[in-house]
Amino acid sequence: MKLDDMHLLDECFTHIPDDGGPHVTYNVTKLVTHIEAHRDQVQLVSVPVDEEHARYCLENRGIEQDRIRILLAHPDYLKQPVVFLHKAEEDSHLLVDGSHRYVIYWHLKMSIIPAYIVPWEMAQPFIIEDAPQTDEKVIMSWSGLSALRQFRDRN
């Protein structure tokens, strides 16, 4: 998928590996739409809300207080499952959609959150191939797809 294939309101998630490897940006709007159309290929489970992971999200995932307030005002949205990608060969999971919801569940002292566990391979078509590789500070300051495209075109 390319940036030009995205709708301006599509939400993205950029994974910045701790080991300094390449950033991977997912179009989570299109991924979630795909998951909902292929529920037979994913697991819907209840995942324990872990304080350590919630704090990690607060410190490293760009959790915005304004967005927290908006989500708290719309409890139906909070019920939507978060999305974890599962990489079977490493038995690892990556939260790619729902960091704000995850943090809210932790703040509300809710012990479990609904989650889709998605095979890593299912998410690969939703990787944005031409997303810029830049530093974390710039990624955290992106305000939307048009800004991403402008940044890409400048570089």
C-alpha atoms as a PDB file:
ATOM      1  CA  MET A   1       0.000   0.000   0.000  1.00  0.00           C
ATOM      2  CA  LYS A   2       1.202   3.511  -0.798  1.00  0.00           C
ATOM      3  CA  LEU A   3       0.418   6.816   0.911  1.00  0.00           C
ATOM      4  CA  ASP A   4      -1.467   7.883  -2.201  1.00  0.00           C
ATOM      5  CA  ASP A   5      -3.785   4.848  -1.795  1.00  0.00           C
ATOM      6  CA  MET A   6      -5.004   6.114   1.556  1.00  0.00           C
ATOM      7  CA  HIS A   7      -8.005   8.214   2.420  1.00  0.00           C
ATOM      8  CA  LEU A   8      -7.210  11.435   4.283  1.00  0.00           C
ATOM      9  CA  LEU A   9      -9.102  10.218   7.364  1.00  0.00           C
ATOM     10  CA  ASP A  10      -7.428   6.801   7.561  1.00  0.00           C
ATOM     11  CA  GLU A  11      -5.633   6.212  10.853  1.00  0.00           C
ATOM     12  CA  CYS A  12      -2.090   4.885  10.908  1.00  0.00           C
ATOM     13  CA  PHE A  13       0.174   3.264  13.441  1.00  0.00           C
ATOM     14  CA  THR A  14       3.961   3.448  13.132  1.00  0.00           C
ATOM     15  CA  HIS A  15       5.963   0.813  14.963  1.00  0.00           C
ATOM     16  CA  ILE A  16       9.427   2.019  15.932  1.00  0.00           C
ATOM     17  CA  PRO A  17      11.406  -1.049  17.020  1.00  0.00           C
ATOM     18  CA  ASP A  18      13.437  -0.763  20.218  1.00  0.00           C
ATOM     19  CA  ASP A  19      16.448  -2.197  18.370  1.00  0.00           C
ATOM     20  CA  GLY A  20      16.536   0.729  15.931  1.00  0.00           C
ATOM     21  CA  GLY A  21      15.308  -1.334  12.994  1.00  0.00           C
ATOM     22  CA  PRO A  22      13.198   0.157  10.214  1.00  0.00           C
ATOM     23  CA  HIS A  23       9.883   1.768  11.111  1.00  0.00           C
ATOM     24  CA  VAL A  24       6.772  -0.012   9.908  1.00  0.00           C
ATOM     25  CA  THR A  25       3.614   2.046   9.357  1.00  0.00           C
ATOM     26  CA  TYR A  26       0.232   0.323   9.100  1.00  0.00           C
ATOM     27  CA  ASN A  27      -3.034   1.695   7.747  1.00  0.00           C
ATOM     28  CA  VAL A  28      -5.107   0.505  10.702  1.00  0.00           C
ATOM     29  CA  THR A  29      -8.376   1.863   9.311  1.00  0.00           C
ATOM     30  CA  LYS A  30      -8.157  -0.463   6.318  1.00  0.00           C
ATOM     31  CA  LEU A  31      -6.747  -3.288   8.464  1.00  0.00           C
ATOM     32  CA  VAL A  32      -9.707  -3.127  10.875  1.00  0.00           C
ATOM     33  CA  THR A  33     -12.155  -3.072   7.954  1.00  0.00           C
ATOM     34  CA  HIS A  34     -10.421  -6.186   6.585  1.00  0.00           C
ATOM     35  CA  ILE A  35     -10.519  -7.897   9.997  1.00  0.00           C
ATOM     36  CA  GLU A  36     -14.242  -7.263  10.341  1.00  0.00           C
ATOM     37  CA  ALA A  37     -14.844  -8.758   6.892  1.00  0.00           C
ATOM     38  CA  HIS A  38     -12.713 -11.830   7.741  1.00  0.00           C
ATOM     39  CA  ARG A  39     -13.546 -12.535  11.382  1.00  0.00           C
ATOM     40  CA  ASP A  40     -13.211 -16.261  10.747  1.00  0.00           C
ATOM     41  CA  GLN A  41      -9.454 -15.715  10.252  1.00  0.00           C
ATOM     42  CA  VAL A  42      -8.812 -13.882  13.547  1.00  0.00           C
ATOM     43  CA  GLN A  43      -9.395 -14.586  17.216  1.00  0.00           C
ATOM     44  CA  LEU A  44     -11.614 -12.336  19.328  1.00  0.00           C
ATOM     45  CA  VAL A  45     -10.426 -12.754  22.909  1.00  0.00           C
ATOM     46  CA  SER A  46     -10.324 -10.984  26.240  1.00  0.00           C
ATOM     47  CA  VAL A  47      -6.798  -9.776  26.983  1.00  0.00           C
ATOM     48  CA  PRO A  48      -5.607  -8.884  30.484  1.00  0.00           C
ATOM     49  CA  VAL A  49      -4.868  -5.168  30.885  1.00  0.00           C
ATOM     50  CA  ASP A  50      -1.282  -4.970  32.072  1.00  0.00           C
ATOM     51  CA  GLU A  51      -0.096  -1.920  34.009  1.00  0.00           C
ATOM     52  CA  GLU A  52       3.426  -2.150  32.586  1.00  0.00           C
ATOM     53  CA  HIS A  53       2.134  -2.157  29.013  1.00  0.00           C
ATOM     54  CA  ALA A  54      -0.298   0.698  29.744  1.00  0.00           C
ATOM     55  CA  ARG A  55       2.575   2.772  31.143  1.00  0.00           C
ATOM     56  CA  TYR A  56       4.686   1.870  28.099  1.00  0.00           C
ATOM     57  CA  CYS A  57       1.887   3.156  25.860  1.00  0.00           C
ATOM     58  CA  LEU A  58       1.687   6.384  27.867  1.00  0.00           C
ATOM     59  CA  GLU A  59       5.418   6.975  27.535  1.00  0.00           C
ATOM     60  CA  ASN A  60       6.033   5.724  23.995  1.00  0.00           C
ATOM     61  CA  ARG A  61       2.848   5.691  21.944  1.00  0.00           C
ATOM     62  CA  GLY A  62       1.854   9.355  21.754  1.00  0.00           C
ATOM     63  CA  ILE A  63      -1.206   9.061  23.982  1.00  0.00           C
ATOM     64  CA  GLU A  64      -3.072  12.361  23.682  1.00  0.00           C
ATOM     65  CA  GLN A  65      -5.169  13.638  26.599  1.00  0.00           C
ATOM     66  CA  ASP A  66      -7.666  15.321  24.248  1.00  0.00           C
ATOM     67  CA  ARG A  67      -8.292  12.004  22.541  1.00  0.00           C
ATOM     68  CA  ILE A  68      -8.723  10.310  25.928  1.00  0.00           C
ATOM     69  CA  ARG A  69     -11.435  12.859  26.820  1.00  0.00           C
ATOM     70  CA  ILE A  70     -13.219  12.304  23.503  1.00  0.00           C
ATOM     71  CA  LEU A  71     -13.141   8.521  23.913  1.00  0.00           C
ATOM     72  CA  LEU A  72     -14.479   8.729  27.454  1.00  0.00           C
ATOM     73  CA  ALA A  73     -17.408  10.750  26.110  1.00  0.00           C
ATOM     74  CA  HIS A  74     -18.222   7.934  23.644  1.00  0.00           C
ATOM     75  CA  PRO A  75     -18.384   4.693  25.656  1.00  0.00           C
ATOM     76  CA  ASP A  76     -19.654   2.655  22.682  1.00  0.00           C
ATOM     77  CA  TYR A  77     -16.362   3.283  20.894  1.00  0.00           C
ATOM     78  CA  LEU A  78     -14.471   2.044  23.942  1.00  0.00           C
ATOM     79  CA  LYS A  79     -16.119  -1.358  23.481  1.00  0.00           C
ATOM     80  CA  GLN A  80     -14.447  -1.885  20.092  1.00  0.00           C
ATOM     81  CA  PRO A  81     -11.715  -4.516  20.277  1.00  0.00           C
ATOM     82  CA  VAL A  82      -8.101  -3.416  20.145  1.00  0.00           C
ATOM     83  CA  VAL A  83      -5.880  -5.120  17.550  1.00  0.00           C
ATOM     84  CA  PHE A  84      -2.780  -7.144  18.345  1.00  0.00           C
ATOM     85  CA  LEU A  85      -0.650  -8.587  15.558  1.00  0.00           C
ATOM     86  CA  HIS A  86       0.689 -12.028  16.413  1.00  0.00           C
ATOM     87  CA  LYS A  87       4.047 -13.081  15.012  1.00  0.00           C
ATOM     88  CA  ALA A  88       3.904 -16.851  15.507  1.00  0.00           C
ATOM     89  CA  GLU A  89       7.600 -17.653  14.967  1.00  0.00           C
ATOM     90  CA  GLU A  90       8.572 -15.257  17.780  1.00  0.00           C
ATOM     91  CA  ASP A  91       5.362 -15.740  19.794  1.00  0.00           C
ATOM     92  CA  SER A  92       5.199 -11.944  20.073  1.00  0.00           C
ATOM     93  CA  HIS A  93       2.283  -9.512  19.967  1.00  0.00           C
ATOM     94  CA  LEU A  94       2.186  -5.893  18.804  1.00  0.00           C
ATOM     95  CA  LEU A  95      -0.678  -3.553  19.705  1.00  0.00           C
ATOM     96  CA  VAL A  96      -1.340  -1.702  16.425  1.00  0.00           C
ATOM     97  CA  ASP A  97      -4.781  -0.248  17.121  1.00  0.00           C
ATOM     98  CA  GLY A  98      -6.284   0.801  20.412  1.00  0.00           C
ATOM     99  CA  SER A  99      -3.447   2.199  22.526  1.00  0.00           C
ATOM    100  CA  HIS A 100      -5.717   4.982  23.819  1.00  0.00           C
ATOM    101  CA  ARG A 101      -8.479   2.475  24.659  1.00  0.00           C
ATOM    102  CA  TYR A 102      -5.954   0.219  26.376  1.00  0.00           C
ATOM    103  CA  VAL A 103      -4.744   3.094  28.568  1.00  0.00           C
ATOM    104  CA  ILE A 104      -8.332   4.086  29.396  1.00  0.00           C
ATOM    105  CA  TYR A 105      -9.155   0.528  30.489  1.00  0.00           C
ATOM    106  CA  TRP A 106      -6.113   0.596  32.763  1.00  0.00           C
ATOM    107  CA  HIS A 107      -7.091   4.004  34.218  1.00  0.00           C
ATOM    108  CA  LEU A 108     -10.599   2.696  34.858  1.00  0.00           C
ATOM    109  CA  LYS A 109      -9.084  -0.364  36.565  1.00  0.00           C
ATOM    110  CA  MET A 110     -10.751  -2.711  34.118  1.00  0.00           C
ATOM    111  CA  SER A 111      -8.911  -6.025  34.156  1.00  0.00           C
ATOM    112  CA  ILE A 112      -9.589  -7.206  30.585  1.00  0.00           C
ATOM    113  CA  ILE A 113     -10.110  -5.619  27.176  1.00  0.00           C
ATOM    114  CA  PRO A 114     -11.614  -7.178  24.038  1.00  0.00           C
ATOM    115  CA  ALA A 115      -8.972  -7.783  21.393  1.00  0.00           C
ATOM    116  CA  TYR A 116      -8.539  -9.207  17.939  1.00  0.00           C
ATOM    117  CA  ILE A 117      -5.459 -11.395  17.644  1.00  0.00           C
ATOM    118  CA  VAL A 118      -4.478 -11.081  14.000  1.00  0.00           C
ATOM    119  CA  PRO A 119      -1.913 -13.225  12.205  1.00  0.00           C
ATOM    120  CA  TRP A 120       1.095 -11.103  11.248  1.00  0.00           C
ATOM    121  CA  GLU A 121       0.695 -12.126   7.613  1.00  0.00           C
ATOM    122  CA  MET A 122      -2.832 -10.685   7.431  1.00  0.00           C
ATOM    123  CA  ALA A 123      -1.504  -7.193   8.217  1.00  0.00           C
ATOM    124  CA  GLN A 124       1.247  -7.152   5.588  1.00  0.00           C
ATOM    125  CA  PRO A 125      -0.927  -5.722   2.748  1.00  0.00           C
ATOM    126  CA  PHE A 126      -1.712  -2.768   5.034  1.00  0.00           C
ATOM    127  CA  ILE A 127       1.898  -1.690   5.503  1.00  0.00           C
ATOM    128  CA  ILE A 128       2.466   1.733   3.964  1.00  0.00           C
ATOM    129  CA  GLU A 129       5.531   1.078   1.847  1.00  0.00           C
ATOM    130  CA  ASP A 130       6.480   4.697   1.205  1.00  0.00           C
ATOM    131  CA  ALA A 131       5.993   5.990   4.741  1.00  0.00           C
ATOM    132  CA  PRO A 132       9.045   8.071   5.604  1.00  0.00           C
ATOM    133  CA  GLN A 133      11.775   6.679   7.826  1.00  0.00           C
ATOM    134  CA  THR A 134      12.429   9.501  10.233  1.00  0.00           C
ATOM    135  CA  ASP A 135      13.054  10.102  13.891  1.00  0.00           C
ATOM    136  CA  GLU A 136      10.440   9.469  16.563  1.00  0.00           C
ATOM    137  CA  LYS A 137       9.962  13.169  17.353  1.00  0.00           C
ATOM    138  CA  VAL A 138       8.839  13.900  13.790  1.00  0.00           C
ATOM    139  CA  ILE A 139       6.554  10.858  13.698  1.00  0.00           C
ATOM    140  CA  MET A 140       4.886  11.921  16.959  1.00  0.00           C
ATOM    141  CA  SER A 141       4.243  15.385  15.501  1.00  0.00           C
ATOM    142  CA  TRP A 142       2.440  14.183  12.347  1.00  0.00           C
ATOM    143  CA  SER A 143      -1.033  15.614  12.204  1.00  0.00           C
ATOM    144  CA  GLY A 144      -2.417  13.563   9.365  1.00  0.00           C
ATOM    145  CA  LEU A 145      -1.972  12.007   5.983  1.00  0.00           C
ATOM    146  CA  SER A 146      -1.596  15.286   4.111  1.00  0.00           C
ATOM    147  CA  ALA A 147       1.324  16.149   6.394  1.00  0.00           C
ATOM    148  CA  LEU A 148       2.834  12.712   5.708  1.00  0.00           C
ATOM    149  CA  ARG A 149       2.585  13.246   1.976  1.00  0.00           C
ATOM    150  CA  GLN A 150       4.156  16.711   2.255  1.00  0.00           C
ATOM    151  CA  PHE A 151       6.977  15.318   4.372  1.00  0.00           C
ATOM    152  CA  ARG A 152       7.556  12.503   1.854  1.00  0.00           C
ATOM    153  CA  ASP A 153       7.555  14.942  -1.069  1.00  0.00           C
ATOM    154  CA  ARG A 154      10.131  17.208   0.634  1.00  0.00           C
ATOM    155  CA  ASN A 155      12.527  14.311   1.170  1.00  0.00           C
END
